[in-house]
N, C-alpha and C. Protein backbone atom coordinates (compact mmCIF):
# COMPACT_ATOMS: atom_id res chain seq x y z
N MET A 1 32.59 -23.29 9.24
CA MET A 1 33.58 -22.48 10.11
C MET A 1 33.57 -21.27 10.61
N PRO A 2 33.60 -20.86 11.93
CA PRO A 2 33.38 -19.72 12.48
C PRO A 2 34.54 -18.39 11.74
N THR A 3 34.27 -17.82 11.34
CA THR A 3 35.78 -16.64 10.64
C THR A 3 35.80 -15.25 11.78
N ALA A 4 36.92 -14.91 11.72
CA ALA A 4 36.80 -13.75 12.79
C ALA A 4 36.92 -12.15 11.54
N LEU A 5 36.15 -11.32 12.42
CA LEU A 5 36.01 -9.97 11.54
C LEU A 5 37.37 -8.83 12.31
N THR A 6 37.50 -8.41 11.83
CA THR A 6 37.98 -7.08 12.74
C THR A 6 37.75 -5.95 11.94
N VAL A 7 37.21 -4.97 12.91
CA VAL A 7 36.82 -3.27 11.76
C VAL A 7 37.54 -3.21 12.72
N ARG A 8 38.88 -2.12 11.95
CA ARG A 8 39.03 -1.03 12.51
C ARG A 8 38.45 0.22 12.06
N GLY A 9 38.86 1.54 12.62
CA GLY A 9 38.13 3.10 12.55
C GLY A 9 37.29 3.13 12.68
N LEU A 10 36.50 2.71 13.70
CA LEU A 10 35.43 3.31 14.05
C LEU A 10 35.28 4.03 15.51
N ASP A 11 34.78 5.29 15.17
CA ASP A 11 34.70 6.09 16.29
C ASP A 11 33.69 5.96 17.50
N GLU A 12 34.83 6.68 18.21
CA GLU A 12 34.37 6.36 19.88
C GLU A 12 32.48 6.45 20.32
N ASP A 13 31.56 7.00 18.92
CA ASP A 13 30.53 7.63 19.22
C ASP A 13 29.48 6.37 19.01
N LEU A 14 30.65 6.09 18.20
CA LEU A 14 29.90 4.19 17.39
C LEU A 14 29.65 3.19 18.31
N VAL A 15 30.87 3.47 18.78
CA VAL A 15 31.46 1.92 20.09
C VAL A 15 31.01 2.08 21.51
N ARG A 16 30.61 3.62 21.44
CA ARG A 16 29.79 3.92 22.49
C ARG A 16 28.59 3.70 22.49
N ARG A 17 27.66 3.47 21.23
CA ARG A 17 26.33 3.69 21.25
C ARG A 17 26.25 1.99 20.88
N LEU A 18 27.40 1.08 20.23
CA LEU A 18 27.25 -0.11 20.25
C LEU A 18 27.24 -1.29 21.44
N LYS A 19 28.26 -0.12 22.23
CA LYS A 19 27.93 -0.99 23.89
C LYS A 19 26.57 -1.20 24.28
N LEU A 20 25.78 0.61 24.41
CA LEU A 20 24.51 0.68 25.45
C LEU A 20 23.93 -0.46 24.19
N ARG A 21 23.41 -0.37 23.55
CA ARG A 21 22.65 -1.56 22.47
C ARG A 21 23.00 -3.09 23.08
N ALA A 22 24.08 -3.00 22.81
CA ALA A 22 24.45 -4.81 23.35
C ALA A 22 23.87 -5.02 25.12
N ALA A 23 24.65 -3.77 26.11
CA ALA A 23 23.77 -4.29 27.08
C ALA A 23 22.44 -3.77 27.26
N ARG A 24 21.20 -2.83 26.13
CA ARG A 24 19.62 -2.82 26.38
C ARG A 24 19.72 -5.05 25.82
N HIS A 25 20.31 -5.44 24.86
CA HIS A 25 19.51 -6.51 24.52
C HIS A 25 20.26 -7.86 25.59
N GLY A 26 21.21 -7.33 26.41
CA GLY A 26 21.93 -8.73 27.69
C GLY A 26 22.68 -9.57 26.67
N ARG A 27 23.63 -8.90 25.50
CA ARG A 27 25.05 -9.30 25.61
C ARG A 27 26.35 -9.13 24.95
N SER A 28 27.26 -9.49 24.39
CA SER A 28 28.61 -8.77 24.20
C SER A 28 28.38 -7.60 22.83
N MET A 29 29.25 -6.94 22.90
CA MET A 29 29.43 -5.99 21.77
C MET A 29 29.30 -7.10 20.54
N GLU A 30 30.10 -7.86 20.49
CA GLU A 30 30.56 -9.33 19.46
C GLU A 30 29.49 -9.72 19.02
N ALA A 31 28.19 -10.37 20.53
CA ALA A 31 27.11 -10.63 20.10
C ALA A 31 26.73 -10.16 19.41
N GLU A 32 26.45 -8.45 19.50
CA GLU A 32 25.57 -7.64 18.82
C GLU A 32 26.32 -7.34 17.40
N CYS A 33 27.07 -7.36 17.03
CA CYS A 33 27.64 -6.95 16.12
C CYS A 33 27.40 -8.41 14.99
N ARG A 34 27.07 -9.66 15.67
CA ARG A 34 26.58 -10.53 14.70
C ARG A 34 25.14 -10.67 14.52
N ASP A 35 24.80 -10.28 15.40
CA ASP A 35 22.81 -10.07 15.56
C ASP A 35 22.74 -8.76 14.16
N ILE A 36 23.43 -7.45 14.05
CA ILE A 36 23.35 -6.41 13.41
C ILE A 36 23.62 -7.26 12.01
N LEU A 37 24.42 -7.51 11.83
CA LEU A 37 25.19 -8.18 10.56
C LEU A 37 23.84 -8.86 10.16
N ARG A 38 23.58 -9.91 11.11
CA ARG A 38 22.46 -11.09 10.62
C ARG A 38 21.38 -9.89 9.82
N GLN A 39 20.78 -9.33 10.56
CA GLN A 39 19.50 -8.23 10.51
C GLN A 39 19.84 -7.67 9.20
N ALA A 40 20.72 -7.06 9.03
CA ALA A 40 20.92 -6.44 7.71
C ALA A 40 20.84 -6.75 6.43
N LEU A 41 21.77 -8.07 6.63
CA LEU A 41 21.45 -9.10 4.91
C LEU A 41 20.92 -10.03 4.76
N ALA A 42 19.60 -10.43 6.07
CA ALA A 42 18.51 -10.99 5.89
C ALA A 42 18.05 -10.87 4.52
N SER A 43 17.70 -9.02 4.69
CA SER A 43 16.92 -9.30 3.40
C SER A 43 17.29 -9.21 2.42
N GLU A 44 18.70 -9.13 1.82
CA GLU A 44 19.59 -8.71 0.76
C GLU A 44 19.28 -10.40 0.23
N PRO A 45 19.27 -10.50 -1.39
CA PRO A 45 18.93 -11.68 -2.27
C PRO A 45 20.57 -12.20 -1.83
N GLN A 46 20.08 -13.64 -1.89
CA GLN A 46 21.73 -14.41 -1.92
C GLN A 46 22.22 -14.69 -3.69
N ASP A 47 21.05 -14.74 -4.40
CA ASP A 47 21.27 -15.62 -5.84
C ASP A 47 20.80 -14.45 -6.45
N PHE A 48 22.11 -13.67 -7.35
CA PHE A 48 21.99 -12.62 -8.71
C PHE A 48 21.32 -12.99 -9.43
N ARG A 49 20.81 -14.27 -10.07
CA ARG A 49 19.66 -14.73 -11.08
C ARG A 49 18.67 -14.39 -10.44
N ALA A 50 18.09 -14.59 -9.22
CA ALA A 50 16.79 -14.06 -8.32
C ALA A 50 16.02 -12.61 -8.70
N LEU A 51 17.60 -12.16 -8.14
CA LEU A 51 17.50 -10.67 -8.16
C LEU A 51 17.04 -9.83 -9.26
N ALA A 52 17.85 -10.70 -10.47
CA ALA A 52 17.76 -9.96 -12.00
C ALA A 52 16.47 -10.09 -12.58
N SER A 53 16.28 -11.40 -12.32
CA SER A 53 14.90 -11.92 -12.78
C SER A 53 13.47 -10.83 -11.85
N SER A 54 13.81 -10.76 -10.29
CA SER A 54 12.99 -10.24 -9.59
C SER A 54 12.89 -8.74 -10.42
N LEU A 55 14.25 -8.44 -10.44
CA LEU A 55 14.08 -6.55 -10.63
C LEU A 55 12.83 -6.44 -12.69
N ARG A 56 13.71 -7.44 -13.07
CA ARG A 56 12.98 -8.07 -14.77
C ARG A 56 11.41 -7.96 -14.68
N GLN A 57 10.77 -8.35 -13.25
CA GLN A 57 9.28 -8.46 -13.54
C GLN A 57 9.18 -7.58 -12.90
N SER A 58 9.78 -7.04 -12.00
CA SER A 58 8.82 -5.34 -11.31
C SER A 58 9.02 -4.29 -12.75
N LEU A 59 9.74 -4.05 -13.69
CA LEU A 59 9.91 -3.42 -14.29
C LEU A 59 9.68 -3.76 -16.17
N ALA A 60 8.76 -4.42 -16.03
CA ALA A 60 8.63 -5.37 -17.23
C ALA A 60 7.06 -4.52 -17.80
N ASP A 61 6.32 -4.01 -17.00
CA ASP A 61 5.28 -3.15 -17.29
C ASP A 61 5.60 -1.20 -17.86
N ARG A 62 7.11 -1.41 -17.54
CA ARG A 62 7.44 0.16 -18.23
C ARG A 62 7.65 0.22 -19.29
N ALA A 63 7.89 1.46 -20.00
CA ALA A 63 8.42 1.67 -21.27
C ALA A 63 9.50 1.78 -20.60
N HIS A 64 10.65 1.40 -22.32
CA HIS A 64 12.00 1.43 -22.00
C HIS A 64 12.39 2.52 -23.21
N ARG A 65 13.86 3.32 -22.83
CA ARG A 65 14.44 3.59 -24.12
C ARG A 65 15.55 3.67 -23.65
N PRO A 66 16.46 3.38 -25.02
CA PRO A 66 17.88 3.41 -25.32
C PRO A 66 18.67 4.52 -24.05
N ALA A 67 19.30 4.45 -22.76
CA ALA A 67 20.13 5.05 -22.83
C ALA A 67 20.97 6.11 -23.71
N GLY A 68 20.80 5.88 -25.08
CA GLY A 68 21.87 7.22 -25.65
C GLY A 68 20.81 7.60 -26.15
N ASP A 69 19.47 7.60 -26.40
CA ASP A 69 18.46 8.37 -26.05
C ASP A 69 17.86 9.30 -25.57
N VAL A 70 18.66 8.80 -24.21
CA VAL A 70 17.60 9.95 -22.88
C VAL A 70 18.96 10.62 -22.57
N MET A 71 20.12 10.58 -23.08
CA MET A 71 21.26 10.86 -22.21
C MET A 71 21.26 12.14 -23.74
N ALA A 72 20.54 11.92 -25.38
CA ALA A 72 20.83 12.93 -25.74
C ALA A 72 19.71 13.94 -25.52
N ALA A 73 18.08 13.43 -25.15
CA ALA A 73 17.35 14.14 -25.05
C ALA A 73 17.68 15.22 -23.85
N THR A 74 18.59 14.53 -22.67
CA THR A 74 19.16 15.25 -21.40
C THR A 74 19.86 16.42 -22.00
N ARG A 75 20.87 16.47 -22.62
CA ARG A 75 21.67 17.48 -23.45
C ARG A 75 20.92 17.82 -24.05
N ALA A 76 20.38 17.83 -25.31
CA ALA A 76 19.73 18.86 -25.75
C ALA A 76 18.66 19.89 -24.83
N GLU A 77 18.13 19.71 -23.67
CA GLU A 77 17.21 20.12 -22.94
C GLU A 77 17.98 21.05 -22.06
N THR A 78 19.55 20.69 -21.76
CA THR A 78 20.38 21.75 -20.74
C THR A 78 20.69 22.82 -21.72
N TRP A 79 21.16 22.54 -22.50
CA TRP A 79 21.59 23.57 -23.90
C TRP A 79 20.53 24.54 -24.17
N ALA A 80 19.51 23.87 -24.10
CA ALA A 80 18.00 24.95 -24.64
C ALA A 80 18.06 25.68 -23.43
N ALA A 81 18.39 25.44 -22.05
CA ALA A 81 17.68 25.77 -21.27
C ALA A 81 19.12 26.96 -20.84
N LEU A 82 19.77 26.85 -21.23
CA LEU A 82 21.18 27.69 -21.49
C LEU A 82 20.55 29.20 -21.76
N PRO A 83 20.96 30.19 -20.70
CA PRO A 83 20.93 31.78 -21.50
C PRO A 83 21.17 32.44 -22.63
N GLU A 84 20.71 33.01 -23.53
CA GLU A 84 21.34 33.53 -24.46
C GLU A 84 22.42 34.46 -24.44
N SER A 85 22.92 34.75 -23.45
CA SER A 85 24.01 35.21 -23.37
C SER A 85 25.37 34.26 -23.40
N MET A 86 24.96 33.52 -23.16
CA MET A 86 25.86 32.01 -23.12
C MET A 86 26.92 32.63 -24.13
N PRO A 87 28.35 32.22 -24.24
CA PRO A 87 28.85 32.56 -25.61
C PRO A 87 28.45 31.31 -26.32
N SER A 88 28.51 31.42 -27.69
CA SER A 88 28.54 30.24 -28.48
C SER A 88 29.82 29.10 -28.24
N GLY A 89 29.36 28.03 -29.14
CA GLY A 89 30.67 27.18 -29.07
C GLY A 89 30.33 25.52 -27.75
N SER A 90 31.12 24.91 -27.56
CA SER A 90 31.64 23.50 -27.08
C SER A 90 31.73 23.78 -25.87
N PRO A 91 31.28 23.47 -24.47
CA PRO A 91 31.49 23.96 -22.86
C PRO A 91 33.60 24.29 -23.28
N GLY A 92 33.09 25.56 -22.85
CA GLY A 92 34.93 25.66 -21.97
C GLY A 92 35.45 26.48 -23.13
N GLU A 93 34.89 26.69 -24.33
CA GLU A 93 34.94 27.85 -25.38
C GLU A 93 34.65 29.03 -25.22
N GLY A 94 34.72 29.98 -25.38
CA GLY A 94 34.70 31.50 -25.40
C GLY A 94 35.62 32.32 -24.75
N GLU A 95 34.84 33.50 -23.78
CA GLU A 95 35.72 34.95 -23.24
C GLU A 95 36.59 33.79 -22.29
N GLY A 96 37.91 34.53 -22.85
CA GLY A 96 38.83 33.75 -21.07
C GLY A 96 38.99 32.41 -21.35
N ALA A 97 39.32 31.17 -22.25
CA ALA A 97 39.29 30.24 -22.25
C ALA A 97 40.76 30.02 -23.18
């Protein structure tokens, strides 16, 4: 069963470009919008499990580290890169805080 969709808040330039595109393709703006949406969503996976499986397969050969380890290393690198003249202590502590 067809469903209606109203899109509010489109700027005038976007509407103008949509009208021109529809005219180039010899169809209404509504038909053009349907085609744009159909094309944009055609490559989208429709099944979450299939997408998850595909993602797992694409990452199977890569080494993985727990997120906590990555965050700790990044934090340590950030603190190590700070100039020596920075006040010691946690962020927000020091002069004027």
